[in-house]
Each structure stands twice: as structure tokens, then as C-alpha cells.
């Protein structure tokens, strides 16, 4: 189903407005009126697409988790370095969202979902039958690797991406090769 460009433009403005406002004040203190003013849309337009600000935030998070999932499927055809570069570029291109979500009080909820997504992805790569992880407990290895990855991404974003995506991908890739 094709979405009307005006609808898509309004939804993008609404999403961007919420994320921008979250960099300025607590989510609890953001009102629908704040969002509509920032997005330059009528409050009714927001309610046309979202139940409330919680639904809006949830939809934004779902969209990014879905995009990362979709991205991981397409990256499966790439070598490890290239797929990691693409992940880092995705984070860079969506810096406002990820840096805000990992730095705000909504961080624990989003971080938990982001971590769970990475646990599922790394579970596909961990082999405890041979090599450096032979005989290890799969759950522990996967938890360790996923938490390390999420922590490094979080650090990178919170510090304003001090290294370009390719450099980060190479550094993270080298570390992950030691673990997975």
C-alpha cells in the first residue's frame, strides 16, 4: 500500500519533533502540544496517526528495530567487515535517534530491546562446538558478546562518534573475532 507523501511527511516531522524534544527535556514533560508545535502540525494530525506520545515513541522504536532486522538480513550476504560498516553507517545516519534513546530516561527500555535484538543476531554466529568457544555455555557467550557490542555502540554515539563508521567497524570487528 502506497502512503500519501503528505502523510509520510507529517509522520516524519512528528517523529523528528519528538526525538528533538527528548534531547531538550524529559519524555514525561513533553506534551502532544509540544510535539505538534515543533512538527508544525495540528494536534489532531498526531492523534490521527498515534494514540498518544507513548504510542508514537513505541512506533519510532519499532521502526528502527525493524529496519535493523531488515538490514541484517540483507547484510548476511556481505563479509563481516562490510556488514559491520553498514551497521555503523546506519547508526551514523540515525545518530539523533540512537544517541537520544541511549542517553534519555527511555534508554533502559530501548536499550533492552536493542540488546535483545543483538542477542538474537549474535546467537546465529556463536559456535560452541569447536574453536575458541568449544565447551562454553552458549547463553553466556551470546550475552557477553551482545552486551559488549551494545556497550561500544552506546559509547561511540554518546561521545559524538569520535571515529568514522569504517574505523569503528574495523575495531569492533577485530574485537568480535576474538570472541565469536
Protein backbone atom coordinates (compact mmCIF):
# COMPACT_ATOMS: atom_id res chain seq x y z
CA UNK A 1 0.00 0.00 0.00
CA UNK A 2 1.45 3.34 -1.05
CA UNK A 3 1.41 6.07 1.58
CA UNK A 4 0.43 9.59 0.54
CA UNK A 5 3.55 11.80 0.51
CA UNK A 6 1.82 14.39 2.70
CA UNK A 7 1.03 11.74 5.30
CA UNK A 8 4.60 10.42 5.22
CA UNK A 9 5.97 13.97 5.52
CA UNK A 10 3.72 14.71 8.52
CA UNK A 11 4.67 11.45 10.25
CA UNK A 12 8.38 12.11 9.72
CA UNK A 13 8.02 15.65 11.11
CA UNK A 14 6.15 14.29 14.16
CA UNK A 15 8.78 11.60 14.82
CA UNK A 16 11.64 14.06 14.40
CA UNK A 17 9.92 16.56 16.69
CA UNK A 18 9.59 14.01 19.50
CA UNK A 19 13.24 12.94 19.27
CA UNK A 20 14.43 16.56 19.18
CA UNK A 21 12.29 17.41 22.20
CA UNK A 22 13.72 14.41 24.06
CA UNK A 23 17.18 15.97 23.71
CA UNK A 24 15.86 19.07 25.44
CA UNK A 25 13.64 17.74 28.21
CA UNK A 26 12.34 14.65 29.93
CA UNK A 27 9.88 12.50 27.99
CA UNK A 28 7.43 12.84 30.89
CA UNK A 29 7.44 16.62 30.44
CA UNK A 30 6.78 16.53 26.70
CA UNK A 31 3.19 17.17 25.68
CA UNK A 32 1.33 16.48 22.46
CA UNK A 33 1.10 20.27 22.08
CA UNK A 34 4.93 20.49 22.28
CA UNK A 35 5.22 17.86 19.57
CA UNK A 36 2.62 19.49 17.32
CA UNK A 37 4.25 22.92 17.72
CA UNK A 38 7.70 21.53 16.88
CA UNK A 39 6.42 19.47 13.94
CA UNK A 40 4.26 22.35 12.73
CA UNK A 41 1.17 20.16 12.55
CA UNK A 42 -2.21 20.25 14.25
CA UNK A 43 -2.64 18.14 17.41
CA UNK A 44 -5.40 16.28 15.58
CA UNK A 45 -2.86 15.18 12.97
CA UNK A 46 -0.82 13.49 15.69
CA UNK A 47 -3.90 11.73 17.07
CA UNK A 48 -4.83 10.64 13.56
CA UNK A 49 -1.64 8.54 13.44
CA UNK A 50 -0.82 7.78 17.10
CA UNK A 51 -2.80 7.09 20.26
CA UNK A 52 -0.53 9.24 22.43
CA UNK A 53 3.12 10.13 22.90
CA UNK A 54 3.88 6.64 24.23
CA UNK A 55 2.45 5.05 21.08
CA UNK A 56 4.49 7.49 18.98
CA UNK A 57 7.71 6.60 20.81
CA UNK A 58 6.94 2.90 20.56
CA UNK A 59 6.32 3.19 16.81
CA UNK A 60 9.63 5.01 16.33
CA UNK A 61 11.48 2.30 18.25
CA UNK A 62 9.70 -0.47 16.34
CA UNK A 63 10.61 1.16 13.05
CA UNK A 64 14.32 1.21 13.92
CA UNK A 65 14.31 -2.36 15.24
CA UNK A 66 12.51 -3.49 12.07
CA UNK A 67 14.98 -1.55 9.89
CA UNK A 68 17.92 -3.15 11.69
CA UNK A 69 16.37 -6.59 11.30
CA UNK A 70 15.77 -5.98 7.62
CA UNK A 71 19.28 -4.63 7.32
CA UNK A 72 20.80 -7.69 9.00
CA UNK A 73 19.04 -9.97 6.54
CA UNK A 74 20.49 -8.07 3.59
CA UNK A 75 23.91 -7.85 5.29
CA UNK A 76 24.05 -11.64 5.62
CA UNK A 77 25.36 -11.73 2.04
CA UNK A 78 28.27 -9.42 2.93
CA UNK A 79 31.52 -10.25 4.68
CA UNK A 80 31.72 -9.41 8.37
CA UNK A 81 33.60 -6.12 7.95
CA UNK A 82 31.27 -4.75 5.28
CA UNK A 83 28.15 -5.71 7.23
CA UNK A 84 29.58 -4.03 10.35
CA UNK A 85 30.44 -0.91 8.32
CA UNK A 86 26.83 -0.78 7.12
CA UNK A 87 25.58 -1.14 10.70
CA UNK A 88 27.82 1.70 11.86
CA UNK A 89 26.65 3.84 8.93
CA UNK A 90 23.03 3.13 9.90
CA UNK A 91 23.81 4.35 13.43
CA UNK A 92 25.57 7.40 11.99
CA UNK A 93 22.66 8.21 9.65
CA UNK A 94 20.24 7.87 12.57
CA UNK A 95 22.51 9.50 15.13
CA UNK A 96 19.84 11.75 16.63
CA UNK A 97 17.56 8.79 17.35
CA UNK A 98 20.16 6.40 18.75
CA UNK A 99 22.11 8.96 20.77
CA UNK A 100 18.88 10.33 22.24
CA UNK A 101 17.44 6.91 23.04
CA UNK A 102 20.62 5.69 24.68
CA UNK A 103 21.05 8.90 26.69
CA UNK A 104 17.48 9.59 27.84
CA UNK A 105 15.36 8.02 30.55
CA UNK A 106 13.69 5.99 27.82
CA UNK A 107 17.10 4.42 27.35
CA UNK A 108 16.55 1.41 29.56
CA UNK A 109 13.51 0.30 27.58
CA UNK A 110 15.08 0.95 24.19
CA UNK A 111 18.48 -0.41 25.28
CA UNK A 112 16.78 -3.60 26.44
CA UNK A 113 15.07 -4.06 23.07
CA UNK A 114 18.26 -3.16 21.19
CA UNK A 115 20.21 -5.65 23.30
CA UNK A 116 17.63 -8.40 22.74
CA UNK A 117 17.80 -7.79 19.00
CA UNK A 118 21.61 -8.15 19.10
CA UNK A 119 21.43 -11.27 21.25
CA UNK A 120 19.24 -12.91 18.61
CA UNK A 121 21.60 -11.84 15.83
CA UNK A 122 24.80 -12.96 17.61
CA UNK A 123 23.21 -16.29 18.55
CA UNK A 124 23.30 -17.13 14.82
CA UNK A 125 27.10 -16.65 14.77
CA UNK A 126 28.26 -18.26 18.01
CA UNK A 127 29.62 -21.79 17.67
CA UNK A 128 30.31 -23.64 20.93
CA UNK A 129 31.06 -26.96 19.25
CA UNK A 130 34.57 -26.01 18.09
CA UNK A 131 37.24 -23.33 18.14
CA UNK A 132 37.78 -20.77 20.86
CA UNK A 133 34.27 -21.20 22.29
CA UNK A 134 34.27 -25.02 22.36
CA UNK A 135 32.60 -26.25 25.52
CA UNK A 136 31.40 -22.81 26.59
CA UNK A 137 27.83 -22.09 27.60
CA UNK A 138 26.12 -20.58 24.54
CA UNK A 139 23.87 -18.26 26.57
CA UNK A 140 26.84 -16.78 28.42
CA UNK A 141 28.91 -16.26 25.27
CA UNK A 142 25.99 -14.65 23.40
CA UNK A 143 25.11 -12.38 26.35
CA UNK A 144 28.73 -11.34 26.72
CA UNK A 145 29.24 -10.55 23.03
CA UNK A 146 25.91 -8.76 22.59
CA UNK A 147 26.42 -6.65 25.72
CA UNK A 148 29.95 -5.76 24.62
CA UNK A 149 28.71 -4.73 21.18
CA UNK A 150 25.80 -2.65 22.51
CA UNK A 151 28.10 -1.02 25.07
CA UNK A 152 30.62 0.00 22.42
CA UNK A 153 27.91 1.36 20.11
CA UNK A 154 26.44 3.27 23.05
CA UNK A 155 29.86 4.71 23.93
CA UNK A 156 30.50 5.68 20.30
CA UNK A 157 27.19 7.50 19.97
CA UNK A 158 27.30 9.21 23.38
CA UNK A 159 30.76 10.53 22.56
CA UNK A 160 29.68 12.06 19.25
CA UNK A 161 31.08 9.29 17.01
CA UNK A 162 34.79 10.11 17.53
CA UNK A 163 35.75 7.57 14.84
CA UNK A 164 34.29 7.22 11.33
CA UNK A 165 31.97 4.23 10.76
CA UNK A 166 34.59 2.23 8.82
CA UNK A 167 37.21 2.68 11.57
CA UNK A 168 34.67 1.67 14.21
CA UNK A 169 33.63 -1.35 12.17
CA UNK A 170 37.25 -2.48 11.83
CA UNK A 171 37.98 -2.02 15.54
CA UNK A 172 34.74 -3.71 16.63
CA UNK A 173 35.23 -6.45 14.05
CA UNK A 174 38.72 -7.25 15.36
CA UNK A 175 37.37 -7.48 18.90
CA UNK A 176 34.38 -9.62 17.90
CA UNK A 177 36.62 -12.03 16.00
CA UNK A 178 38.39 -12.72 19.30
CA UNK A 179 35.07 -13.55 20.93
CA UNK A 180 32.87 -15.24 18.33
